[in-house]
Protein backbone atom coordinates (compact mmCIF):
# COMPACT_ATOMS: atom_id res chain seq x y z
CA MET A 1 179.18 31.45 -96.02
CA ARG A 2 175.37 31.02 -95.98
CA ALA A 3 175.26 31.45 -99.73
CA HIS A 4 171.67 30.35 -100.43
CA ARG A 5 169.77 31.62 -97.42
CA LEU A 6 167.76 34.72 -98.36
CA ALA A 7 167.26 34.57 -102.11
CA PRO A 8 163.87 32.75 -101.92
CA LEU A 9 162.68 35.27 -99.36
CA ALA A 10 163.56 38.11 -101.70
CA LEU A 11 161.75 36.36 -104.55
CA ALA A 12 158.61 35.94 -102.46
CA LEU A 13 158.63 39.52 -101.32
CA ALA A 14 158.86 40.73 -104.88
CA ALA A 15 156.06 38.47 -106.08
CA SER A 16 153.63 38.92 -103.20
CA THR A 17 151.40 42.00 -103.00
CA ALA A 18 150.51 41.02 -99.44
CA GLN A 19 154.01 42.04 -98.39
CA ALA A 20 154.35 45.00 -100.72
CA GLN A 21 155.35 47.37 -97.93
CA SER A 22 158.54 45.35 -97.38
CA SER A 23 161.34 46.32 -99.74
CA PRO A 24 162.80 43.36 -101.66
CA THR A 25 165.91 45.46 -102.20
CA ASN A 26 166.83 45.10 -98.53
CA PHE A 27 166.74 41.32 -98.77
CA LEU A 28 168.69 41.31 -102.01
CA PHE A 29 171.39 43.37 -100.32
CA ALA A 30 171.43 40.88 -97.44
CA THR A 31 171.78 38.00 -99.89
CA ILE A 32 174.63 39.72 -101.71
CA ALA A 33 176.44 40.48 -98.47
CA GLU A 34 176.25 36.86 -97.33
CA GLN A 35 177.38 35.47 -100.66
CA SER A 36 180.23 37.90 -101.30
CA ARG A 37 181.88 38.50 -97.92
CA THR A 38 184.55 35.83 -97.74
CA ALA A 39 187.41 35.70 -95.20
CA PHE A 40 188.48 39.22 -94.21
CA THR A 41 191.80 39.04 -92.40
CA ILE A 42 193.79 42.06 -93.52
CA GLN A 43 197.46 41.24 -92.93
CA GLY A 44 200.79 41.04 -94.64
CA THR A 45 201.90 38.10 -96.71
CA GLY A 46 204.99 35.94 -97.10
CA SER A 47 205.87 32.29 -96.56
CA ARG A 48 208.23 32.89 -93.67
CA ALA A 49 205.60 34.93 -91.86
CA VAL A 50 202.88 32.33 -92.58
CA GLY A 51 205.12 29.56 -91.25
CA LEU A 52 205.31 31.50 -87.99
CA GLY A 53 201.52 31.66 -87.72
CA GLY A 54 201.51 35.12 -89.32
CA SER A 55 203.49 36.70 -86.45
CA PHE A 56 206.10 38.83 -88.22
CA LEU A 57 205.75 42.38 -86.85
CA ALA A 58 208.89 42.15 -84.70
CA LEU A 59 211.04 40.32 -87.29
CA ALA A 60 210.08 41.89 -90.64
CA ASP A 61 213.51 41.17 -92.08
CA ASP A 62 212.68 40.63 -95.75
CA ALA A 63 210.88 42.67 -98.41
CA THR A 64 207.44 41.49 -97.26
CA ALA A 65 208.05 43.81 -94.29
CA VAL A 66 206.32 46.53 -96.32
CA SER A 67 203.06 44.61 -95.84
CA PHE A 68 203.65 43.93 -92.11
CA ASN A 69 205.90 46.55 -90.54
CA PRO A 70 207.71 48.89 -92.96
CA ALA A 71 210.33 49.70 -90.30
CA GLY A 72 211.80 46.27 -90.98
CA LEU A 73 212.83 47.35 -94.48
CA ALA A 74 215.82 49.10 -92.91
CA GLN A 75 217.32 45.65 -92.22
CA LEU A 76 217.76 44.88 -95.93
CA LEU A 77 221.36 45.43 -97.03
CA ALA A 78 221.23 44.41 -100.69
CA PRO A 79 218.82 44.95 -103.60
CA GLU A 80 216.33 42.13 -103.92
CA PHE A 81 213.22 40.97 -105.76
CA SER A 82 210.47 38.98 -104.06
CA LEU A 83 207.53 36.94 -105.33
CA VAL A 84 204.84 35.22 -103.23
CA THR A 85 202.18 32.84 -104.59
CA GLU A 86 199.28 31.08 -102.89
CA SER A 87 197.31 27.91 -103.58
CA LEU A 88 193.95 27.59 -101.80
CA GLN A 89 191.53 24.72 -101.25
CA ARG A 90 188.32 25.68 -99.45
CA GLU A 91 185.80 23.11 -98.16
CA GLN A 92 182.46 24.19 -96.71
CA SER A 93 179.59 22.07 -95.45
CA PHE A 94 176.20 22.51 -93.76
CA LYS A 95 175.03 19.70 -91.49
CA GLY A 96 172.04 18.85 -89.32
CA PHE A 97 169.72 21.64 -90.40
CA LYS A 98 166.14 21.43 -89.11
CA SER A 99 163.10 23.63 -88.78
CA GLY A 100 159.82 22.94 -87.04
CA VAL A 101 158.35 21.14 -90.05
CA GLU A 102 161.22 20.37 -92.41
CA GLU A 103 164.46 18.40 -92.40
CA PHE A 104 167.39 19.41 -94.61
CA GLY A 105 169.95 17.13 -96.14
CA ASP A 106 173.64 17.84 -95.62
CA THR A 107 175.38 19.75 -98.38
CA SER A 108 178.99 20.70 -99.09
CA ASN A 109 181.20 22.45 -101.61
CA ARG A 110 184.90 22.50 -102.52
CA ASP A 111 186.75 25.33 -104.28
CA ASN A 112 190.36 25.52 -105.50
CA ARG A 113 192.37 28.62 -106.41
CA PHE A 114 195.92 29.67 -107.29
CA ALA A 115 197.12 33.26 -107.51
CA PRO A 116 200.18 35.50 -107.11
CA LEU A 117 199.87 37.44 -103.84
CA PHE A 118 202.88 39.71 -103.61
CA PHE A 119 205.71 41.17 -105.66
CA SER A 120 208.38 43.66 -104.64
CA ALA A 121 211.55 45.37 -105.82
CA THR A 122 213.77 46.70 -103.02
CA VAL A 123 216.79 48.98 -103.22
CA PRO A 124 218.96 50.21 -100.30
CA PHE A 125 220.68 53.60 -100.57
CA ARG A 126 223.49 54.89 -98.41
CA THR A 127 222.90 58.44 -97.11
CA GLY A 128 225.83 59.50 -94.97
CA SER A 129 226.14 57.04 -92.10
CA ARG A 130 222.64 55.66 -92.58
CA THR A 131 220.95 53.28 -94.98
CA LEU A 132 217.67 54.26 -96.58
CA VAL A 133 215.75 51.32 -98.07
CA VAL A 134 213.06 51.91 -100.70
CA THR A 135 210.56 49.25 -101.78
CA PHE A 136 207.92 49.19 -104.48
CA ALA A 137 205.38 46.41 -103.89
CA TYR A 138 202.10 44.88 -105.02
CA GLN A 139 199.86 42.84 -102.71
CA ARG A 140 196.53 41.09 -103.24
CA VAL A 141 194.98 41.97 -99.88
CA VAL A 142 191.48 40.51 -100.27
CA ASP A 143 190.83 37.70 -102.76
CA PHE A 144 187.12 37.46 -103.58
CA ASN A 145 187.45 34.59 -106.05
CA PHE A 146 185.37 31.53 -105.33
CA ASP A 147 182.93 29.11 -106.99
CA SER A 148 180.10 27.40 -105.14
CA ASP A 149 177.55 24.86 -106.38
CA ARG A 150 175.30 23.41 -103.70
CA ASN A 151 172.24 21.15 -103.82
CA LEU A 152 170.07 21.12 -100.70
CA ASP A 153 167.53 18.30 -100.30
CA VAL A 154 164.46 19.19 -98.24
CA ARG A 155 161.77 16.85 -96.91
CA ALA A 156 158.86 17.35 -94.51
CA THR A 157 159.46 15.91 -91.04
CA GLY A 158 158.15 12.38 -90.93
CA GLY A 159 158.26 11.90 -94.71
CA GLY A 160 156.78 13.52 -97.77
CA ALA A 161 158.03 14.62 -101.17
CA LEU A 162 161.70 15.41 -101.59
CA ARG A 163 162.56 18.80 -103.06
CA ARG A 164 165.97 19.99 -104.18
CA VAL A 165 167.08 23.61 -103.99
CA SER A 166 170.16 24.46 -106.07
CA ASN A 167 172.37 27.48 -105.55
CA SER A 168 175.28 28.47 -107.77
CA VAL A 169 177.56 31.38 -106.84
CA THR A 170 180.57 32.65 -108.77
CA GLN A 171 182.66 35.61 -107.70
CA ASP A 172 185.72 37.02 -109.43
CA GLY A 173 188.02 39.85 -108.39
CA ALA A 174 190.11 41.23 -105.56
CA ILE A 175 191.20 44.27 -103.61
CA ASN A 176 194.82 45.00 -104.54
CA VAL A 177 197.28 47.39 -102.91
CA TRP A 178 200.23 49.11 -104.59
CA SER A 179 202.77 50.39 -102.07
CA LEU A 180 205.84 52.61 -101.96
CA GLY A 181 207.67 51.99 -98.70
CA VAL A 182 210.71 53.48 -96.99
CA GLY A 183 212.65 52.23 -93.95
CA THR A 184 215.70 53.62 -92.16
CA GLU A 185 217.73 53.40 -88.96
CA LEU A 186 217.42 56.16 -86.38
CA THR A 187 219.94 54.30 -84.24
CA PRO A 188 221.44 50.80 -84.53
CA ARG A 189 218.61 49.57 -82.29
CA LEU A 190 215.69 51.73 -83.44
CA LEU A 191 214.23 51.44 -86.95
CA VAL A 192 211.31 53.34 -88.46
CA GLY A 193 209.42 53.05 -91.70
CA ALA A 194 206.31 54.08 -93.59
CA SER A 195 204.49 53.36 -96.84
CA ILE A 196 201.86 55.04 -98.93
CA ASN A 197 199.34 52.59 -100.34
CA LEU A 198 197.00 52.81 -103.30
CA TRP A 199 193.97 50.52 -102.84
CA ARG A 200 192.20 49.38 -105.99
CA GLY A 201 189.51 46.72 -106.08
CA GLU A 202 186.90 45.31 -108.41
CA TRP A 203 184.83 42.15 -108.09
CA ASP A 204 181.76 40.65 -109.77
CA LEU A 205 179.16 38.41 -108.18
CA THR A 206 176.85 36.09 -110.13
CA SER A 207 174.29 33.97 -108.29
CA ARG A 208 171.37 31.70 -109.32
CA GLN A 209 168.90 29.85 -107.11
CA SER A 210 166.51 27.31 -108.67
CA TYR A 211 164.26 24.40 -107.73
CA SER A 212 163.97 20.80 -108.93
CA ASP A 213 160.16 20.81 -109.13
CA SER A 214 159.44 24.19 -110.70
CA THR A 215 160.76 26.70 -113.22
CA ALA A 216 161.21 29.38 -110.54
CA PHE A 217 164.64 30.98 -110.24
CA LEU A 218 166.38 34.11 -108.97
CA ASP A 219 169.49 35.55 -110.63
CA ILE A 220 171.68 38.21 -109.00
CA LEU A 221 174.49 40.06 -110.73
CA GLN A 222 176.52 42.75 -109.01
CA ASN A 223 179.64 44.71 -109.88
CA ASN A 224 181.67 46.33 -107.08
CA GLN A 225 184.49 48.88 -107.33
CA PHE A 226 186.68 50.10 -104.49
CA ARG A 227 189.20 52.99 -104.43
CA GLY A 228 191.25 54.57 -101.63
CA VAL A 229 194.65 55.71 -100.32
CA ASN A 230 196.18 55.19 -96.88
CA VAL A 231 199.45 55.19 -94.98
CA ASN A 232 201.20 52.48 -92.97
CA ALA A 233 203.76 53.31 -90.28
CA GLY A 234 205.98 51.11 -88.16
CA VAL A 235 208.63 51.08 -85.44
CA LEU A 236 211.05 48.26 -84.68
CA TRP A 237 213.33 48.07 -81.64
CA ARG A 238 215.91 45.30 -81.84
CA SER A 239 218.61 43.73 -79.71
CA ASP A 240 220.62 40.51 -79.79
CA ARG A 241 217.86 38.51 -78.06
CA LEU A 242 214.64 40.53 -78.15
CA ASN A 243 212.78 42.52 -80.82
CA VAL A 244 209.66 44.64 -80.34
CA GLY A 245 207.58 45.80 -83.30
CA LEU A 246 204.64 48.18 -83.63
CA ALA A 247 202.69 48.78 -86.84
CA TYR A 248 199.72 50.98 -87.72
CA ARG A 249 197.60 50.87 -90.88
CA SER A 250 195.58 54.07 -91.11
CA GLY A 251 191.90 54.06 -91.89
CA PHE A 252 190.74 55.94 -94.95
CA ARG A 253 187.70 57.17 -96.83
CA ALA A 254 187.15 54.85 -99.77
CA GLU A 255 185.03 55.34 -102.85
CA TYR A 256 182.71 52.36 -103.19
CA ARG A 257 180.62 51.89 -106.33
CA LEU A 258 178.07 49.17 -106.87
CA GLU A 259 175.73 48.21 -109.67
CA GLY A 260 173.25 45.35 -109.47
CA THR A 261 170.76 43.73 -111.79
CA PHE A 262 168.29 40.94 -111.03
CA ALA A 263 166.10 38.49 -112.95
CA ALA A 264 163.46 36.17 -111.53
CA VAL A 265 160.59 33.86 -112.49
CA ASP A 266 157.96 32.67 -110.00
CA ASP A 267 156.45 29.18 -109.62
CA GLN A 268 153.92 29.88 -112.40
CA GLY A 269 156.63 30.90 -114.86
CA ARG A 270 155.80 34.61 -114.65
CA PRO A 271 158.68 37.11 -114.68
CA VAL A 272 159.18 39.10 -111.48
CA VAL A 273 160.37 42.69 -111.74
CA PHE A 274 163.20 43.72 -109.44
CA PRO A 275 164.57 47.26 -109.27
CA ALA A 276 168.05 47.72 -110.70
CA GLN A 277 170.61 49.32 -108.37
CA LYS A 278 173.41 51.75 -108.97
CA GLY A 279 175.26 53.87 -106.48
CA GLN A 280 178.45 55.69 -105.55
CA LEU A 281 179.05 55.66 -101.80
CA ASP A 282 181.70 56.63 -99.29
CA LEU A 283 183.07 53.82 -97.15
CA ALA A 284 184.95 54.40 -93.91
CA TRP A 285 187.61 51.70 -94.15
CA PRO A 286 188.85 50.97 -90.60
CA ASP A 287 192.32 51.31 -89.15
CA THR A 288 194.46 48.43 -87.88
CA ILE A 289 197.06 48.44 -85.12
CA GLY A 290 199.38 45.62 -84.16
CA ALA A 291 202.19 44.80 -81.73
CA GLY A 292 204.67 41.95 -81.84
CA LEU A 293 207.55 40.33 -79.96
CA ALA A 294 210.40 38.16 -81.21
CA TRP A 295 212.61 36.42 -78.66
CA LYS A 296 215.78 34.55 -79.49
CA PRO A 297 216.79 32.40 -76.49
CA HIS A 298 219.29 30.48 -78.63
CA ASP A 299 221.26 31.37 -81.74
CA ARG A 300 219.18 28.87 -83.73
CA LEU A 301 215.80 29.36 -82.02
CA THR A 302 213.33 32.26 -82.43
CA LEU A 303 209.90 32.62 -80.81
CA THR A 304 207.37 35.15 -82.11
CA ALA A 305 203.96 36.50 -81.05
CA ASP A 306 201.64 39.17 -82.54
CA SER A 307 198.34 40.76 -81.58
CA VAL A 308 196.47 42.80 -84.22
CA ARG A 309 193.19 44.71 -83.84
CA THR A 310 190.91 45.96 -86.65
CA ARG A 311 187.82 48.11 -86.02
CA TRP A 312 185.41 46.49 -88.49
CA SER A 313 182.41 47.90 -86.64
CA SER A 314 183.35 51.31 -88.06
CA ALA A 315 183.30 50.09 -91.70
CA VAL A 316 180.27 52.29 -92.37
CA LEU A 317 178.76 53.42 -95.67
CA ARG A 318 177.67 56.99 -96.39
CA GLY A 319 175.43 58.00 -99.26
CA SER A 320 172.64 56.47 -101.28
CA PHE A 321 172.00 54.35 -104.36
CA VAL A 322 169.51 54.70 -107.18
CA SER A 323 166.90 51.94 -107.47
CA GLN A 324 164.64 51.73 -110.54
CA ASP A 325 162.59 48.99 -112.17
CA ALA A 326 161.66 48.87 -115.83
CA SER A 327 158.46 50.91 -115.48
CA GLY A 328 158.61 52.55 -112.07
CA PRO A 329 160.08 55.83 -110.84
CA VAL A 330 163.67 56.31 -109.76
CA GLN A 331 164.10 55.97 -105.99
CA ASP A 332 166.99 57.46 -104.06
CA LEU A 333 167.55 55.05 -101.15
CA SER A 334 169.88 55.93 -98.29
CA LEU A 335 172.55 53.61 -96.92
CA ASP A 336 173.89 56.15 -94.41
CA GLY A 337 175.20 54.32 -91.36
CA ALA A 338 174.94 50.81 -92.83
CA ASN A 339 177.89 48.49 -92.28
CA PHE A 340 179.81 47.19 -95.30
CA PHE A 341 179.50 43.55 -94.16
CA ASP A 342 175.74 43.25 -93.83
CA TYR A 343 174.33 46.53 -95.23
CA LEU A 344 172.50 47.01 -91.91
CA LYS A 345 172.39 50.17 -89.82
CA SER A 346 171.85 48.08 -86.69
CA SER A 347 174.84 45.93 -87.62
CA LYS A 348 176.28 43.20 -85.41
CA THR A 349 179.64 43.45 -87.18
CA PRO A 350 182.29 43.32 -84.41
CA ASP A 351 185.83 44.58 -84.08
CA THR A 352 188.39 41.79 -84.27
CA LYS A 353 191.62 40.96 -82.50
CA ASP A 354 193.93 38.44 -84.17
CA LEU A 355 196.38 36.40 -82.10
CA ARG A 356 199.35 34.70 -83.75
CA GLY A 357 202.46 32.91 -82.58
CA GLY A 358 205.30 30.88 -84.02
CA VAL A 359 208.65 29.20 -83.58
CA GLU A 360 211.61 28.93 -85.97
CA TRP A 361 214.50 26.50 -85.59
CA ILE A 362 217.59 26.63 -87.81
CA ALA A 363 217.97 22.94 -88.59
CA PHE A 364 221.12 23.42 -90.67
CA LEU A 365 223.54 26.31 -90.68
CA GLY A 366 226.39 26.17 -93.16
CA ASP A 367 228.70 28.66 -94.82
CA SER A 368 226.38 29.13 -97.81
CA LEU A 369 223.32 27.03 -96.96
CA ILE A 370 220.69 27.63 -94.25
CA ILE A 371 217.61 25.48 -93.63
CA PRO A 372 215.02 26.77 -91.13
CA LEU A 373 211.96 24.86 -89.88
CA ARG A 374 208.86 26.72 -88.67
CA ALA A 375 205.53 26.12 -86.96
CA GLY A 376 202.80 28.44 -85.75
CA TYR A 377 199.29 28.92 -84.38
CA PHE A 378 196.71 31.60 -85.14
CA ARG A 379 193.25 32.75 -84.14
CA GLU A 380 191.58 35.12 -86.62
CA PRO A 381 188.02 36.27 -85.80
CA GLN A 382 186.09 37.41 -88.87
CA PRO A 383 183.69 40.38 -89.15
CA ILE A 384 180.87 37.94 -89.99
CA VAL A 385 178.05 37.29 -87.50
CA ASP A 386 174.97 35.17 -88.18
CA ARG A 387 171.86 37.32 -87.87
CA ARG A 388 169.84 34.69 -85.93
CA THR A 389 172.32 32.65 -83.87
CA GLY A 390 174.57 35.65 -83.18
CA GLN A 391 177.68 33.48 -83.58
CA GLN A 392 180.82 34.98 -85.08
CA ARG A 393 182.99 33.11 -87.52
CA VAL A 394 186.46 32.54 -86.02
CA LEU A 395 189.19 30.95 -88.11
CA LYS A 396 191.88 29.17 -86.14
CA GLY A 397 194.50 26.59 -86.86
CA TYR A 398 198.15 25.85 -87.35
CA THR A 399 200.93 26.53 -89.84
CA LEU A 400 204.09 24.70 -90.91
CA GLY A 401 207.00 26.03 -92.92
CA VAL A 402 210.46 25.27 -94.24
CA GLY A 403 213.06 27.44 -95.89
CA LEU A 404 216.16 27.12 -98.00
CA LYS A 405 218.71 29.89 -98.31
CA PHE A 406 221.54 29.24 -100.74
CA LYS A 407 223.82 32.16 -101.41
CA ALA A 408 221.69 34.91 -103.01
CA LEU A 409 218.51 32.81 -103.39
CA THR A 410 215.95 32.21 -100.65
CA LEU A 411 212.98 29.86 -101.05
CA ASP A 412 210.30 29.56 -98.38
CA LEU A 413 207.36 27.16 -98.33
CA ALA A 414 204.47 27.32 -95.85
CA PHE A 415 201.24 25.43 -95.20
CA LYS A 416 198.25 26.94 -93.38
CA ASP A 417 195.29 24.92 -92.11
CA ALA A 418 192.33 27.07 -90.93
CA ARG A 419 188.99 25.85 -89.58
CA ALA A 420 185.78 27.37 -88.25
CA GLU A 421 182.56 25.82 -86.95
CA ASN A 422 179.43 27.84 -86.18
CA ASP A 423 175.71 27.48 -85.65
CA VAL A 424 174.09 29.37 -88.53
CA SER A 425 170.59 29.93 -89.87
CA LYS A 426 168.91 29.64 -93.27
CA ILE A 427 165.61 30.92 -94.61
CA LEU A 428 164.01 29.06 -97.53
CA LEU A 429 160.69 29.45 -99.33
CA LEU A 430 159.09 26.06 -99.92
CA ASN A 431 155.58 25.58 -101.30
CA GLY A 432 154.65 29.15 -100.51
CA SER A 433 155.78 29.04 -96.87
CA PHE A 434 158.81 30.58 -95.20
CA LEU A 435 160.97 28.10 -93.31
CA GLU A 436 163.85 29.00 -91.05
CA ALA A 437 166.30 26.35 -89.96
CA THR A 438 169.46 26.28 -87.90
CA GLY A 439 172.36 23.90 -88.11
CA ARG A 440 176.12 23.59 -88.18
CA GLU A 441 178.43 25.21 -90.72
CA GLU A 442 181.93 23.76 -91.05
CA LEU A 443 184.60 25.63 -92.98
CA ARG A 444 188.13 24.46 -93.72
CA GLU A 445 190.78 26.27 -95.73
CA LYS A 446 194.11 24.77 -96.75
CA ARG A 447 196.62 27.22 -98.16
CA VAL A 448 200.12 26.68 -99.53
CA TYR A 449 202.47 29.65 -99.93
CA LEU A 450 205.70 29.80 -101.90
CA THR A 451 208.12 32.73 -101.68
CA ALA A 452 211.19 33.32 -103.81
CA ILE A 453 213.67 36.08 -102.90
CA LEU A 454 216.63 36.93 -105.10
CA GLN A 455 219.33 39.23 -103.73
CA LEU A 456 221.60 41.09 -106.13
CA LYS A 457 225.16 41.93 -105.21
CA GLY A 458 228.15 43.66 -106.75
CA ASP A 459 227.99 44.51 -110.45
CA ARG A 460 224.70 42.69 -110.88
CA ALA A 461 223.06 44.97 -108.34
CA LYS A 462 224.45 48.11 -109.93
CA LYS A 463 223.31 47.05 -113.39
CA ALA A 464 219.83 46.13 -112.13
CA ILE A 465 219.44 49.45 -110.32
CA ASP A 466 220.63 51.39 -113.34
CA TRP A 467 218.18 49.54 -115.55
CA LEU A 468 215.28 49.96 -113.10
CA PHE A 469 215.76 53.63 -112.21
CA VAL A 470 218.00 55.11 -114.92
CA GLY A 471 217.23 53.01 -117.98
CA LYS A 472 220.80 52.01 -118.84
């Protein structure tokens, strides 16, 4: 992310009467969008799926199917509980930045996180000759949490005084989804499923930019809230050697609320007045459609491949927000037609198509113990495009995984290594002048997933179901 690019520009616009016809609010929105839009790959979760590069639409044979392809729920024969956790290490660096008159020192940041990602309770019911499987699940779909502290050293080309620009960004929160899913068999080969999903999100952004040789600073605080409901549907055709899966996540009209406050001091120590922002908007959250194949050429070998498309270009806001400074009038400013990812009506936000593939080999197959080994590859374009270079962030990399199934307990561990490199731009205000530089951004994310699945059988299953649904 280009976390410290536009804040000085916004500060200058607010402080300078020469540019009074330009709205500083627009630049503050741009700054917020750049600082808060982290990786946006909307997909299911689970260590087995991650170990296969994320390609799980045509397998979907555990409770995480509700987040990939709910038709796969029909393959579950016993009640089970699932838990998925994730550990993340994110490294980001900016290198080789130059403008016509300034050279910029390299800067980097590292962030570490741990969080539960998924929980489910699944119960199969027998209805005549068919099994109906019901799952209640929670998933953290978008994790906004990150901390960033960067120091950027700037010096005039050919020498001159060194100046340090510091930028600190903290964001907390997530978009979570609560799901009720159902899967059943239409025939032994054809499975169908659906889920209704309640989307609830809230995240806070706090940002400060300051300078080593002055008391100037710019603080940004914003609270975001997100509400919506949608439906997922899936179909799974299976045979002894080949599976085909299709899944659709419907778009929906979300309620998006935002509230922002700002504080700033210029180079002479004078406070700068920014308008406060508050608004309730409609957001057209886009739909997602995916198709997958799973081929089993050998009893111990499975190959998988998925392709998933999301129409991020249609993530458009409708409505307006109220902007008011301490002494000025209330202004009703429209955001109709602006994209969620850059708040621009002439947005460059693209649609994305993810490609994922994987292989699973059963290294050991015993009467009560199974050990699978997994590896995968993925390419996940992000709905983030630099406004000057026009380059899109594309995460790609590999995954590794291992599993252990012993009687009723299944443990899966997966590692995901994702990288992206792009030419990006920055705008900084130094000594009263605007400077724009371009350079290389390098992003690397290392994620570790752990999944635990406990199946209940016999009397234990009956007692658990009675306790969960009856209360006995």
